[in-house]
C-alpha atoms as a PDB file:
ATOM      1  CA  MET A   1      -0.168  -0.162  -0.369  1.00  0.00           C
ATOM      2  CA  LYS A   2       2.496   2.136   1.071  1.00  0.00           C
ATOM      3  CA  LYS A   3       4.580   1.402  -2.282  1.00  0.00           C
ATOM      4  CA  ASN A   4       1.473   2.839  -4.101  1.00  0.00           C
ATOM      5  CA  LEU A   5       1.000   5.812  -2.375  1.00  0.00           C
ATOM      6  CA  LEU A   6       4.064   6.709  -3.034  1.00  0.00           C
ATOM      7  CA  ILE A   7       3.799   5.994  -6.587  1.00  0.00           C
ATOM      8  CA  ILE A   8       0.319   8.245  -6.746  1.00  0.00           C
ATOM      9  CA  SER A   9       2.568  11.382  -4.646  1.00  0.00           C
ATOM     10  CA  MET A  10       5.020  11.001  -7.478  1.00  0.00           C
ATOM     11  CA  ILE A  11       2.215  11.041 -10.353  1.00  0.00           C
ATOM     12  CA  CYS A  12       0.761  14.191  -8.967  1.00  0.00           C
ATOM     13  CA  PHE A  13       4.512  15.963  -8.153  1.00  0.00           C
ATOM     14  CA  PHE A  14       5.104  15.502 -12.092  1.00  0.00           C
ATOM     15  CA  THR A  15       1.375  16.615 -12.817  1.00  0.00           C
ATOM     16  CA  SER A  16       1.706  19.553 -11.438  1.00  0.00           C
ATOM     17  CA  LEU A  17       5.214  20.731 -12.659  1.00  0.00           C
ATOM     18  CA  SER A  18       4.170  19.918 -16.269  1.00  0.00           C
ATOM     19  CA  TYR A  19       0.563  21.070 -15.738  1.00  0.00           C
ATOM     20  CA  GLY A  20      -0.389  22.679 -12.151  1.00  0.00           C
ATOM     21  CA  GLN A  21       0.405  24.882  -9.462  1.00  0.00           C
ATOM     22  CA  GLN A  22       3.920  24.388  -8.213  1.00  0.00           C
ATOM     23  CA  ASN A  23       3.569  26.852  -5.268  1.00  0.00           C
ATOM     24  CA  LYS A  24       2.857  26.996  -1.858  1.00  0.00           C
ATOM     25  CA  MET A  25      -0.476  26.635  -0.344  1.00  0.00           C
ATOM     26  CA  LEU A  26      -0.479  27.414   3.526  1.00  0.00           C
ATOM     27  CA  THR A  27      -3.177  27.985   6.261  1.00  0.00           C
ATOM     28  CA  HIS A  28      -1.517  30.557   7.572  1.00  0.00           C
ATOM     29  CA  PHE A  29      -1.611  32.359   4.580  1.00  0.00           C
ATOM     30  CA  MET A  30      -2.217  36.043   5.807  1.00  0.00           C
ATOM     31  CA  TYR A  31       1.543  35.816   7.582  1.00  0.00           C
ATOM     32  CA  ASP A  32       3.395  35.065   4.849  1.00  0.00           C
ATOM     33  CA  LYS A  33       2.503  38.157   2.322  1.00  0.00           C
ATOM     34  CA  MET A  34       6.568  38.778   1.079  1.00  0.00           C
ATOM     35  CA  SER A  35       7.271  35.905  -0.475  1.00  0.00           C
ATOM     36  CA  ILE A  36       3.794  36.114  -2.695  1.00  0.00           C
ATOM     37  CA  ASN A  37       3.838  39.674  -3.179  1.00  0.00           C
ATOM     38  CA  PRO A  38       6.731  41.542  -2.387  1.00  0.00           C
ATOM     39  CA  GLY A  39       5.149  44.466  -2.471  1.00  0.00           C
ATOM     40  CA  ALA A  40       4.115  43.534   1.517  1.00  0.00           C
ATOM     41  CA  THR A  41       7.702  43.847   2.283  1.00  0.00           C
ATOM     42  CA  GLY A  42       7.723  46.031   5.399  1.00  0.00           C
ATOM     43  CA  VAL A  43       4.715  47.786   5.012  1.00  0.00           C
ATOM     44  CA  GLY A  44       3.089  48.745   8.001  1.00  0.00           C
ATOM     45  CA  MET A  45       5.773  47.556  10.653  1.00  0.00           C
ATOM     46  CA  ILE A  46       7.571  50.830  11.335  1.00  0.00           C
ATOM     47  CA  ASN A  47      10.805  50.140  12.449  1.00  0.00           C
ATOM     48  CA  THR A  48      10.600  46.723  12.758  1.00  0.00           C
ATOM     49  CA  ILE A  49      12.329  43.757  12.080  1.00  0.00           C
ATOM     50  CA  CYS A  50      10.152  40.462  12.306  1.00  0.00           C
ATOM     51  CA  GLY A  51      10.866  36.887  11.490  1.00  0.00           C
ATOM     52  CA  THR A  52       8.363  34.337  11.135  1.00  0.00           C
ATOM     53  CA  ALA A  53       8.790  30.339  10.136  1.00  0.00           C
ATOM     54  CA  ILE A  54       6.327  27.923   9.370  1.00  0.00           C
ATOM     55  CA  TYR A  55       5.827  24.162   8.888  1.00  0.00           C
ATOM     56  CA  ARG A  56       3.812  22.643   7.241  1.00  0.00           C
ATOM     57  CA  ASN A  57       3.148  18.502   7.091  1.00  0.00           C
ATOM     58  CA  GLN A  58       0.127  17.812   4.460  1.00  0.00           C
ATOM     59  CA  TRP A  59      -1.893  14.643   4.656  1.00  0.00           C
ATOM     60  CA  ASP A  60      -0.503  13.446   7.776  1.00  0.00           C
ATOM     61  CA  ARG A  61       0.132   9.120   7.124  1.00  0.00           C
ATOM     62  CA  VAL A  62       0.083   9.468   3.216  1.00  0.00           C
ATOM     63  CA  ASN A  63       3.403   7.906   2.104  1.00  0.00           C
ATOM     64  CA  GLY A  64       5.870  10.179   0.195  1.00  0.00           C
ATOM     65  CA  ALA A  65       3.312  13.723   0.991  1.00  0.00           C
ATOM     66  CA  PRO A  66       4.419  17.521   1.073  1.00  0.00           C
ATOM     67  CA  THR A  67       6.077  18.756   3.862  1.00  0.00           C
ATOM     68  CA  SER A  68       6.951  22.147   3.222  1.00  0.00           C
ATOM     69  CA  ALA A  69       9.152  24.602   5.706  1.00  0.00           C
ATOM     70  CA  LEU A  70       8.956  28.573   5.360  1.00  0.00           C
ATOM     71  CA  PHE A  71      11.174  31.443   6.702  1.00  0.00           C
ATOM     72  CA  ASN A  72      10.777  35.279   5.912  1.00  0.00           C
ATOM     73  CA  ALA A  73      12.818  37.770   7.367  1.00  0.00           C
ATOM     74  CA  GLU A  74      11.617  41.313   6.945  1.00  0.00           C
ATOM     75  CA  ALA A  75      12.329  44.914   8.017  1.00  0.00           C
ATOM     76  CA  GLU A  76      10.686  48.039   7.630  1.00  0.00           C
ATOM     77  CA  LEU A  77      13.535  50.963   7.243  1.00  0.00           C
ATOM     78  CA  SER A  78      12.218  54.423   6.534  1.00  0.00           C
ATOM     79  CA  ARG A  79      14.889  55.782   9.057  1.00  0.00           C
ATOM     80  CA  PHE A  80      16.944  55.295   6.341  1.00  0.00           C
ATOM     81  CA  PHE A  81      15.140  55.090   3.282  1.00  0.00           C
ATOM     82  CA  PRO A  82      11.108  54.861   2.243  1.00  0.00           C
ATOM     83  CA  GLY A  83      11.075  51.136   2.123  1.00  0.00           C
ATOM     84  CA  GLY A  84      11.585  47.558   2.903  1.00  0.00           C
ATOM     85  CA  VAL A  85      13.887  45.149   2.752  1.00  0.00           C
ATOM     86  CA  GLY A  86      13.481  40.959   3.402  1.00  0.00           C
ATOM     87  CA  LEU A  87      15.006  37.295   2.644  1.00  0.00           C
ATOM     88  CA  SER A  88      12.330  34.526   1.626  1.00  0.00           C
ATOM     89  CA  PHE A  89      13.753  31.472   1.647  1.00  0.00           C
ATOM     90  CA  TYR A  90      11.102  28.202   1.245  1.00  0.00           C
ATOM     91  CA  HIS A  91      11.598  24.066   1.058  1.00  0.00           C
ATOM     92  CA  ASP A  92       8.959  21.978  -0.289  1.00  0.00           C
ATOM     93  CA  ALA A  93       9.325  17.833  -0.207  1.00  0.00           C
ATOM     94  CA  ILE A  94       6.938  15.403  -1.569  1.00  0.00           C
ATOM     95  CA  GLY A  95       8.001  11.806  -2.745  1.00  0.00           C
ATOM     96  CA  PHE A  96      11.585  12.024  -4.187  1.00  0.00           C
ATOM     97  CA  ALA A  97      11.702  15.334  -5.040  1.00  0.00           C
ATOM     98  CA  ARG A  98      12.508  18.338  -3.305  1.00  0.00           C
ATOM     99  CA  GLN A  99      12.013  22.213  -4.149  1.00  0.00           C
ATOM    100  CA  ASN A 100      14.387  24.995  -2.903  1.00  0.00           C
ATOM    101  CA  ASN A 101      13.121  29.023  -3.342  1.00  0.00           C
ATOM    102  CA  VAL A 102      15.891  32.228  -2.433  1.00  0.00           C
ATOM    103  CA  VAL A 103      14.255  35.787  -2.775  1.00  0.00           C
ATOM    104  CA  LEU A 104      15.676  38.646  -1.615  1.00  0.00           C
ATOM    105  CA  ASN A 105      13.145  41.345  -1.951  1.00  0.00           C
ATOM    106  CA  TYR A 106      12.485  45.809  -2.018  1.00  0.00           C
ATOM    107  CA  SER A 107       9.531  47.275  -1.361  1.00  0.00           C
ATOM    108  CA  TYR A 108       9.307  50.805  -2.029  1.00  0.00           C
ATOM    109  CA  HIS A 109       6.682  52.385   0.113  1.00  0.00           C
ATOM    110  CA  LEU A 110       4.166  55.683  -1.204  1.00  0.00           C
ATOM    111  CA  ASN A 111       2.250  57.017   0.698  1.00  0.00           C
ATOM    112  CA  VAL A 112      -0.929  57.130  -0.967  1.00  0.00           C
ATOM    113  CA  GLY A 113      -4.201  58.112   0.625  1.00  0.00           C
ATOM    114  CA  ASN A 114      -4.815  57.332   3.962  1.00  0.00           C
ATOM    115  CA  GLY A 115      -2.602  54.415   3.519  1.00  0.00           C
ATOM    116  CA  ILE A 116       0.872  52.684   2.141  1.00  0.00           C
ATOM    117  CA  LEU A 117       1.899  51.710  -1.249  1.00  0.00           C
ATOM    118  CA  GLY A 118       4.320  49.233  -1.829  1.00  0.00           C
ATOM    119  CA  ILE A 119       6.261  48.420  -4.972  1.00  0.00           C
ATOM    120  CA  GLY A 120       7.803  45.470  -4.917  1.00  0.00           C
ATOM    121  CA  VAL A 121      10.102  42.936  -6.729  1.00  0.00           C
ATOM    122  CA  GLY A 122      12.091  40.038  -5.479  1.00  0.00           C
ATOM    123  CA  LEU A 123      15.062  38.651  -7.153  1.00  0.00           C
ATOM    124  CA  GLY A 124      16.617  35.093  -6.492  1.00  0.00           C
ATOM    125  CA  LEU A 125      17.012  31.858  -7.185  1.00  0.00           C
ATOM    126  CA  VAL A 126      14.423  28.667  -7.996  1.00  0.00           C
ATOM    127  CA  SER A 127      15.764  24.783  -7.357  1.00  0.00           C
ATOM    128  CA  TYR A 128      14.387  21.790  -8.828  1.00  0.00           C
ATOM    129  CA  GLY A 129      16.331  18.107  -7.542  1.00  0.00           C
ATOM    130  CA  MET A 130      14.926  14.439  -7.056  1.00  0.00           C
ATOM    131  CA  ASN A 131      17.040  11.979  -5.227  1.00  0.00           C
ATOM    132  CA  PRO A 132      15.665   8.669  -5.390  1.00  0.00           C
ATOM    133  CA  ASN A 133      15.934   5.485  -3.499  1.00  0.00           C
ATOM    134  CA  TRP A 134      14.417   2.872  -6.213  1.00  0.00           C
ATOM    135  CA  VAL A 135      13.224  -0.573  -4.590  1.00  0.00           C
ATOM    136  CA  THR A 136      13.224  -3.123  -7.257  1.00  0.00           C
ATOM    137  CA  PRO A 137      12.032  -6.734  -8.408  1.00  0.00           C
ATOM    138  CA  ASP A 138      15.865  -7.869  -9.245  1.00  0.00           C
ATOM    139  CA  ASN A 139      17.309  -5.377  -6.623  1.00  0.00           C
ATOM    140  CA  ASN A 140      19.148  -3.374  -9.320  1.00  0.00           C
ATOM    141  CA  PRO A 141      18.501   0.279  -8.275  1.00  0.00           C
ATOM    142  CA  GLU A 142      21.188   1.159 -10.970  1.00  0.00           C
ATOM    143  CA  ASP A 143      18.846   0.533 -13.724  1.00  0.00           C
ATOM    144  CA  ALA A 144      18.969   2.563 -16.242  1.00  0.00           C
ATOM    145  CA  SER A 145      15.263   3.373 -17.536  1.00  0.00           C
ATOM    146  CA  LEU A 146      14.766   5.024 -14.187  1.00  0.00           C
ATOM    147  CA  PRO A 147      15.165   7.713 -13.142  1.00  0.00           C
ATOM    148  CA  GLN A 148      18.274   8.913 -11.264  1.00  0.00           C
ATOM    149  CA  GLY A 149      19.007  12.256  -8.552  1.00  0.00           C
ATOM    150  CA  VAL A 150      19.309  15.491 -10.662  1.00  0.00           C
ATOM    151  CA  THR A 151      19.210  19.489  -9.532  1.00  0.00           C
ATOM    152  CA  GLU A 152      18.902  22.418 -11.400  1.00  0.00           C
ATOM    153  CA  ALA A 153      18.734  25.754 -10.531  1.00  0.00           C
ATOM    154  CA  ASN A 154      17.754  29.170 -11.960  1.00  0.00           C
ATOM    155  CA  PHE A 155      16.734  32.530 -12.224  1.00  0.00           C
ATOM    156  CA  ASP A 156      14.162  33.812 -10.155  1.00  0.00           C
ATOM    157  CA  ALA A 157      11.903  37.061 -10.047  1.00  0.00           C
ATOM    158  CA  ASN A 158       8.647  38.614  -8.419  1.00  0.00           C
ATOM    159  CA  PHE A 159       7.117  41.725  -8.991  1.00  0.00           C
ATOM    160  CA  GLY A 160       3.848  43.448  -6.803  1.00  0.00           C
ATOM    161  CA  LEU A 161       1.991  45.666  -5.644  1.00  0.00           C
ATOM    162  CA  TYR A 162       0.377  46.072  -1.873  1.00  0.00           C
ATOM    163  CA  TYR A 163      -2.106  48.520  -0.300  1.00  0.00           C
ATOM    164  CA  MET A 164      -2.958  48.724   3.312  1.00  0.00           C
ATOM    165  CA  ASN A 165      -5.240  51.548   4.286  1.00  0.00           C
ATOM    166  CA  HIS A 166      -4.711  52.833   8.409  1.00  0.00           C
ATOM    167  CA  SER A 167      -8.372  52.552   8.315  1.00  0.00           C
ATOM    168  CA  GLY A 168      -7.497  48.348   8.470  1.00  0.00           C
ATOM    169  CA  TRP A 169      -7.563  47.112   5.302  1.00  0.00           C
ATOM    170  CA  TYR A 170      -5.311  45.515   2.209  1.00  0.00           C
ATOM    171  CA  ALA A 171      -5.226  44.565  -1.041  1.00  0.00           C
ATOM    172  CA  GLY A 172      -2.879  43.044  -2.696  1.00  0.00           C
ATOM    173  CA  LEU A 173      -1.963  42.419  -6.183  1.00  0.00           C
ATOM    174  CA  SER A 174       1.549  39.777  -7.842  1.00  0.00           C
ATOM    175  CA  THR A 175       3.154  37.495  -9.977  1.00  0.00           C
ATOM    176  CA  THR A 176       5.723  34.726  -8.962  1.00  0.00           C
ATOM    177  CA  HIS A 177       8.375  33.122 -11.500  1.00  0.00           C
ATOM    178  CA  ILE A 178       8.142  35.726 -13.740  1.00  0.00           C
ATOM    179  CA  PRO A 179      11.022  34.500 -16.057  1.00  0.00           C
ATOM    180  CA  ALA A 180       9.251  31.161 -16.314  1.00  0.00           C
ATOM    181  CA  SER A 181      12.408  28.918 -15.807  1.00  0.00           C
ATOM    182  CA  GLU A 182      12.938  25.843 -18.731  1.00  0.00           C
ATOM    183  CA  LEU A 183      15.031  23.353 -16.024  1.00  0.00           C
ATOM    184  CA  GLU A 184      16.021  21.007 -19.319  1.00  0.00           C
ATOM    185  CA  LEU A 185      17.560  18.121 -17.302  1.00  0.00           C
ATOM    186  CA  LEU A 186      14.027  17.505 -15.595  1.00  0.00           C
ATOM    187  CA  ASN A 187      12.077  18.298 -18.318  1.00  0.00           C
ATOM    188  CA  PHE A 188       9.557  21.493 -17.243  1.00  0.00           C
ATOM    189  CA  THR A 189       9.229  25.015 -16.901  1.00  0.00           C
ATOM    190  CA  THR A 190       8.162  27.044 -13.405  1.00  0.00           C
ATOM    191  CA  ALA A 191       5.040  28.334 -14.090  1.00  0.00           C
ATOM    192  CA  ARG A 192       3.936  31.468 -13.896  1.00  0.00           C
ATOM    193  CA  HIS A 193       1.595  32.311 -11.100  1.00  0.00           C
ATOM    194  CA  TYR A 194      -0.821  35.401 -10.196  1.00  0.00           C
ATOM    195  CA  TYR A 195      -2.263  36.277  -7.177  1.00  0.00           C
ATOM    196  CA  ALA A 196      -4.684  38.386  -5.519  1.00  0.00           C
ATOM    197  CA  MET A 197      -4.744  39.050  -2.154  1.00  0.00           C
ATOM    198  CA  GLY A 198      -7.250  41.167   0.751  1.00  0.00           C
ATOM    199  CA  GLY A 199      -8.394  41.439   4.267  1.00  0.00           C
ATOM    200  CA  TYR A 200      -9.773  43.717   6.729  1.00  0.00           C
ATOM    201  CA  ARG A 201     -10.083  44.307  10.858  1.00  0.00           C
ATOM    202  CA  TYR A 202     -13.221  44.789  12.588  1.00  0.00           C
ATOM    203  CA  LYS A 203     -12.089  46.078  15.710  1.00  0.00           C
ATOM    204  CA  TYR A 204     -14.448  45.979  18.770  1.00  0.00           C
ATOM    205  CA  ALA A 205     -16.862  43.680  16.457  1.00  0.00           C
ATOM    206  CA  PHE A 206     -20.370  43.495  18.266  1.00  0.00           C
ATOM    207  CA  GLY A 207     -19.644  46.955  20.294  1.00  0.00           C
ATOM    208  CA  VAL A 208     -16.809  44.347  23.123  1.00  0.00           C
ATOM    209  CA  LYS A 209     -14.268  46.500  23.673  1.00  0.00           C
ATOM    210  CA  ASP A 210     -11.781  43.325  24.076  1.00  0.00           C
ATOM    211  CA  LEU A 211     -12.967  41.673  20.690  1.00  0.00           C
ATOM    212  CA  ASP A 212     -11.853  41.717  17.196  1.00  0.00           C
ATOM    213  CA  LEU A 213     -12.582  40.096  13.994  1.00  0.00           C
ATOM    214  CA  ASP A 214     -10.709  40.343  11.066  1.00  0.00           C
ATOM    215  CA  PHE A 215     -10.817  38.634   7.226  1.00  0.00           C
ATOM    216  CA  HIS A 216      -8.317  37.613   4.549  1.00  0.00           C
ATOM    217  CA  THR A 217      -9.080  36.357   0.816  1.00  0.00           C
ATOM    218  CA  MET A 218      -5.636  34.723  -1.015  1.00  0.00           C
ATOM    219  CA  MET A 219      -7.037  33.600  -5.011  1.00  0.00           C
ATOM    220  CA  ARG A 220      -3.909  32.182  -7.325  1.00  0.00           C
ATOM    221  CA  THR A 221      -3.913  30.797 -10.412  1.00  0.00           C
ATOM    222  CA  GLU A 222      -0.904  29.829 -13.144  1.00  0.00           C
ATOM    223  CA  LEU A 223      -3.845  29.952 -15.714  1.00  0.00           C
ATOM    224  CA  VAL A 224      -4.080  26.296 -15.551  1.00  0.00           C
ATOM    225  CA  LYS A 225      -5.770  25.529 -12.371  1.00  0.00           C
ATOM    226  CA  TYR A 226      -7.796  27.862  -9.548  1.00  0.00           C
ATOM    227  CA  SER A 227      -7.682  28.122  -5.823  1.00  0.00           C
ATOM    228  CA  ALA A 228      -8.534  30.341  -3.440  1.00  0.00           C
ATOM    229  CA  ASP A 229      -8.364  30.249   0.177  1.00  0.00           C
ATOM    230  CA  ILE A 230     -10.536  32.447   2.980  1.00  0.00           C
ATOM    231  CA  ASN A 231     -10.518  32.518   6.242  1.00  0.00           C
ATOM    232  CA  ALA A 232     -12.453  34.472   9.465  1.00  0.00           C
ATOM    233  CA  ARG A 233     -10.634  34.727  12.990  1.00  0.00           C
ATOM    234  CA  ALA A 234     -11.477  36.159  15.892  1.00  0.00           C
ATOM    235  CA  ILE A 235      -9.109  38.283  18.635  1.00  0.00           C
ATOM    236  CA  TRP A 236      -9.403  38.471  21.966  1.00  0.00           C
ATOM    237  CA  GLN A 237      -7.859  41.101  23.803  1.00  0.00           C
ATOM    238  CA  ASN A 238      -4.866  41.124  21.031  1.00  0.00           C
ATOM    239  CA  LEU A 239      -3.471  38.126  22.966  1.00  0.00           C
ATOM    240  CA  PHE A 240      -5.289  34.775  21.911  1.00  0.00           C
ATOM    241  CA  TRP A 241      -6.878  34.233  18.225  1.00  0.00           C
ATOM    242  CA  GLY A 242      -8.910  31.449  16.321  1.00  0.00           C
ATOM    243  CA  GLY A 243      -9.980  31.093  12.975  1.00  0.00           C
ATOM    244  CA  LEU A 244     -11.094  28.618  10.356  1.00  0.00           C
ATOM    245  CA  THR A 245      -9.604  28.943   6.231  1.00  0.00           C
ATOM    246  CA  TYR A 246     -12.001  27.365   3.428  1.00  0.00           C
ATOM    247  CA  ARG A 247      -9.743  26.524   0.740  1.00  0.00           C
ATOM    248  CA  LEU A 248     -11.966  25.967  -2.329  1.00  0.00           C
ATOM    249  CA  GLU A 249     -12.886  22.238  -3.395  1.00  0.00           C
ATOM    250  CA  ASP A 250      -9.965  21.295  -1.281  1.00  0.00           C
ATOM    251  CA  GLY A 251     -10.367  21.224   2.962  1.00  0.00           C
ATOM    252  CA  ILE A 252     -10.921  23.466   6.246  1.00  0.00           C
ATOM    253  CA  GLY A 253      -8.824  24.785   8.456  1.00  0.00           C
ATOM    254  CA  ILE A 254      -9.045  25.213  12.442  1.00  0.00           C
ATOM    255  CA  MET A 255      -6.590  27.245  13.396  1.00  0.00           C
ATOM    256  CA  ALA A 256      -6.022  28.324  17.006  1.00  0.00           C
ATOM    257  CA  GLY A 257      -2.677  30.734  18.314  1.00  0.00           C
ATOM    258  CA  VAL A 258      -1.512  33.433  20.851  1.00  0.00           C
ATOM    259  CA  GLU A 259       0.610  36.532  20.796  1.00  0.00           C
ATOM    260  CA  PHE A 260       2.769  37.826  23.917  1.00  0.00           C
ATOM    261  CA  ASN A 261       5.710  39.778  24.173  1.00  0.00           C
ATOM    262  CA  SER A 262       6.530  40.021  20.504  1.00  0.00           C
ATOM    263  CA  PHE A 263       6.105  36.288  20.117  1.00  0.00           C
ATOM    264  CA  GLN A 264       3.417  34.630  17.954  1.00  0.00           C
ATOM    265  CA  ILE A 265       2.683  30.326  18.047  1.00  0.00           C
ATOM    266  CA  GLY A 266       0.186  29.407  15.988  1.00  0.00           C
ATOM    267  CA  TYR A 267      -1.261  26.068  14.999  1.00  0.00           C
ATOM    268  CA  ALA A 268      -3.276  24.982  12.194  1.00  0.00           C
ATOM    269  CA  TYR A 269      -5.242  21.726  11.239  1.00  0.00           C
ATOM    270  CA  ASP A 270      -6.624  20.804   8.079  1.00  0.00           C
ATOM    271  CA  ILE A 271      -9.323  18.201   7.673  1.00  0.00           C
ATOM    272  CA  SER A 272      -9.473  17.058   3.803  1.00  0.00           C
ATOM    273  CA  LEU A 273     -13.009  17.494   1.979  1.00  0.00           C
ATOM    274  CA  ASN A 274     -12.157  15.529  -1.511  1.00  0.00           C
ATOM    275  CA  ALA A 275     -11.075  11.690  -1.738  1.00  0.00           C
ATOM    276  CA  LEU A 276      -8.199  12.028   0.308  1.00  0.00           C
ATOM    277  CA  GLN A 277     -10.122  12.211   3.540  1.00  0.00           C
ATOM    278  CA  THR A 278     -10.338   8.345   3.427  1.00  0.00           C
ATOM    279  CA  VAL A 279      -6.273   7.699   3.217  1.00  0.00           C
ATOM    280  CA  SER A 280      -5.079  10.997   5.058  1.00  0.00           C
ATOM    281  CA  ARG A 281      -5.900  11.699   8.893  1.00  0.00           C
ATOM    282  CA  GLY A 282      -5.290  15.353   8.312  1.00  0.00           C
ATOM    283  CA  SER A 283      -2.170  18.391   8.000  1.00  0.00           C
ATOM    284  CA  HIS A 284      -0.710  19.852  10.646  1.00  0.00           C
ATOM    285  CA  GLU A 285       0.847  23.648   9.775  1.00  0.00           C
ATOM    286  CA  ILE A 286       2.665  25.358  12.750  1.00  0.00           C
ATOM    287  CA  LEU A 287       3.396  29.285  12.987  1.00  0.00           C
ATOM    288  CA  LEU A 288       6.377  30.469  14.722  1.00  0.00           C
ATOM    289  CA  LYS A 289       6.655  34.532  14.402  1.00  0.00           C
ATOM    290  CA  TYR A 290       8.601  37.152  16.477  1.00  0.00           C
ATOM    291  CA  CYS A 291       8.750  40.931  15.860  1.00  0.00           C
ATOM    292  CA  HIS A 292      11.618  43.593  17.610  1.00  0.00           C
ATOM    293  CA  PRO A 293      11.979  46.963  16.964  1.00  0.00           C
ATOM    294  CA  ILE A 294      14.695  48.471  15.244  1.00  0.00           C
ATOM    295  CA  PRO A 295      17.321  50.137  17.726  1.00  0.00           C
ATOM    296  CA  PRO A 296      17.479  53.882  17.110  1.00  0.00           C
ATOM    297  CA  PRO A 297      20.834  55.190  16.142  1.00  0.00           C
ATOM    298  CA  PRO A 298      22.994  56.520  18.754  1.00  0.00           C
ATOM    299  CA  PRO A 299      22.884  60.417  19.548  1.00  0.00           C
ATOM    300  CA  THR A 300      25.936  62.197  17.944  1.00  0.00           C
ATOM    301  CA  ARG A 301      27.459  64.873  20.043  1.00  0.00           C
ATOM    302  CA  SER A 302      29.560  67.893  19.148  1.00  0.00           C
ATOM    303  CA  ARG A 303      32.665  68.551  20.762  1.00  0.00           C
ATOM    304  CA  ASN A 304      34.721  71.793  21.064  1.00  0.00           C
ATOM    305  CA  PRO A 305      38.388  71.086  20.225  1.00  0.00           C
ATOM    306  CA  ARG A 306      39.844  73.030  22.685  1.00  0.00           C
ATOM    307  CA  PHE A 307      38.504  70.115  25.294  1.00  0.00           C
ATOM    308  CA  LEU A 308      40.715  67.550  23.137  1.00  0.00           C
END
């Protein structure tokens, strides 16, 4: 059974490389704006640096199912120049296959109306590879008819526009994998993806001072397939939060988290609504985030040379 599931996973992976979405899908997508929209880098952070890590174990108990890890580090640097910078790293493993993305992001911030417009670009590398460990009937893993280990990397670039209004809403448009790099050794092209995102935070919901509600949506396509996530959360005293995420034709995510002393810890459990529910025990996702203000520059003092 495990062998069959691994084969199915590999078929799904290479089919997605050729025809479907290659980018990640996270239940905590509201904490991962920068890696898919560089325009969001540093917007609204005000002289702060933040690090975000997300780990996802998808389709628990399915052999060869995807596991993903993301790390974002970004800072708003208006003290030095109008904009934000960030570094994004993403790793994905499915079956024998591995994907790695490293992107350096910059967003130029403009005051527009009652908000901030970020115009961003991300430049980096995307690599795909596989390192198979075949088990054959004749115990000959060096069979020339079987694919062997190979890795290939190429230039990658993203672009995005992101607007945050001070009244509590935001919206963004972006595209990733702009060069649509051809990786000849693996015989596939990194598909160009398009994203639209938006959200709103409603303070003092139902007249309760300690309760906020926020809503987020993410839509993505590579012009072959389309998917969308819709999220709603309740936030109590800016400390505890919980909510639900619905992914179109895929599943429902139940999420909860806590924030204290600039730390945020979150957990999400996804329940599949498709055929995978018969073999999977759901998906698990863990979020860690920490923010810290950038220290002010030391004060300068003028000295009279007479007293030196």
